[in-house]
Amino acid sequence: MKFEVLYNPGNVICDYLKMKDDHKFIFRVFVNLTYYGHILGLLALYYSRHFSF
């Protein structure tokens, strides 16, 4: 397993699927936005549960 999967999962998946050019760019952006969106959502949920005012 590549260490890169933790900070750039879209690139690892595109390399595995052997995608190239514009398809790689669009798919990588979609995967990374989904990945980081879920992480930010979990952080927001944790923050709202533990630090309510």
C-alpha atoms as a PDB file:
ATOM      1  CA  MET A   1       0.000   0.000   0.000  1.00  0.00           C
ATOM      2  CA  LYS A   2       1.287   3.427  -0.907  1.00  0.00           C
ATOM      3  CA  PHE A   3       1.562   6.086   1.790  1.00  0.00           C
ATOM      4  CA  GLU A   4       0.169   8.532  -0.784  1.00  0.00           C
ATOM      5  CA  VAL A   5      -3.312   7.036  -0.336  1.00  0.00           C
ATOM      6  CA  LEU A   6      -3.648   8.981   2.941  1.00  0.00           C
ATOM      7  CA  TYR A   7      -3.188  12.448   1.436  1.00  0.00           C
ATOM      8  CA  ASN A   8      -3.985  11.963  -2.275  1.00  0.00           C
ATOM      9  CA  PRO A   9      -6.280   8.960  -2.742  1.00  0.00           C
ATOM     10  CA  GLY A  10      -7.515  10.122  -6.151  1.00  0.00           C
ATOM     11  CA  ASN A  11      -4.080   9.837  -7.700  1.00  0.00           C
ATOM     12  CA  VAL A  12      -3.533   6.322  -6.309  1.00  0.00           C
ATOM     13  CA  ILE A  13      -6.896   5.132  -7.660  1.00  0.00           C
ATOM     14  CA  CYS A  14      -6.224   6.694 -11.074  1.00  0.00           C
ATOM     15  CA  ASP A  15      -2.824   5.007 -11.245  1.00  0.00           C
ATOM     16  CA  TYR A  16      -4.428   1.684 -10.323  1.00  0.00           C
ATOM     17  CA  LEU A  17      -7.104   2.084 -13.021  1.00  0.00           C
ATOM     18  CA  LYS A  18      -4.499   3.393 -15.531  1.00  0.00           C
ATOM     19  CA  MET A  19      -6.475   6.553 -16.323  1.00  0.00           C
ATOM     20  CA  LYS A  20      -4.888   9.314 -18.402  1.00  0.00           C
ATOM     21  CA  ASP A  21      -5.307  12.961 -19.385  1.00  0.00           C
ATOM     22  CA  ASP A  22      -8.591  14.782 -18.677  1.00  0.00           C
ATOM     23  CA  HIS A  23     -10.341  11.701 -17.340  1.00  0.00           C
ATOM     24  CA  LYS A  24      -7.638  11.339 -14.697  1.00  0.00           C
ATOM     25  CA  PHE A  25      -7.907  14.985 -13.675  1.00  0.00           C
ATOM     26  CA  ILE A  26     -11.705  14.964 -13.319  1.00  0.00           C
ATOM     27  CA  PHE A  27     -11.845  11.638 -11.479  1.00  0.00           C
ATOM     28  CA  ARG A  28      -8.970  12.625  -9.160  1.00  0.00           C
ATOM     29  CA  VAL A  29     -10.693  15.890  -8.225  1.00  0.00           C
ATOM     30  CA  PHE A  30     -13.982  14.078  -7.558  1.00  0.00           C
ATOM     31  CA  VAL A  31     -12.363  11.419  -5.371  1.00  0.00           C
ATOM     32  CA  ASN A  32     -10.273  13.920  -3.407  1.00  0.00           C
ATOM     33  CA  LEU A  33     -13.241  16.234  -2.796  1.00  0.00           C
ATOM     34  CA  THR A  34     -15.316  13.306  -1.573  1.00  0.00           C
ATOM     35  CA  TYR A  35     -12.496  12.046   0.665  1.00  0.00           C
ATOM     36  CA  TYR A  36     -11.698  15.417   2.242  1.00  0.00           C
ATOM     37  CA  GLY A  37     -15.384  16.346   2.469  1.00  0.00           C
ATOM     38  CA  HIS A  38     -16.047  13.296   4.613  1.00  0.00           C
ATOM     39  CA  ILE A  39     -13.074  14.089   6.845  1.00  0.00           C
ATOM     40  CA  LEU A  40     -14.246  17.688   7.309  1.00  0.00           C
ATOM     41  CA  GLY A  41     -17.779  16.477   8.017  1.00  0.00           C
ATOM     42  CA  LEU A  42     -16.523  14.108  10.700  1.00  0.00           C
ATOM     43  CA  LEU A  43     -14.431  16.874  12.263  1.00  0.00           C
ATOM     44  CA  ALA A  44     -17.427  19.218  12.280  1.00  0.00           C
ATOM     45  CA  LEU A  45     -19.598  16.532  13.878  1.00  0.00           C
ATOM     46  CA  TYR A  46     -16.966  15.850  16.542  1.00  0.00           C
ATOM     47  CA  TYR A  47     -16.554  19.570  17.226  1.00  0.00           C
ATOM     48  CA  SER A  48     -20.309  20.154  17.520  1.00  0.00           C
ATOM     49  CA  ARG A  49     -20.807  17.185  19.865  1.00  0.00           C
ATOM     50  CA  HIS A  50     -17.919  17.920  22.241  1.00  0.00           C
ATOM     51  CA  PHE A  51     -17.760  21.712  22.265  1.00  0.00           C
ATOM     52  CA  SER A  52     -21.390  22.777  22.344  1.00  0.00           C
ATOM     53  CA  PHE A  53     -21.983  26.168  23.909  1.00  0.00           C
END
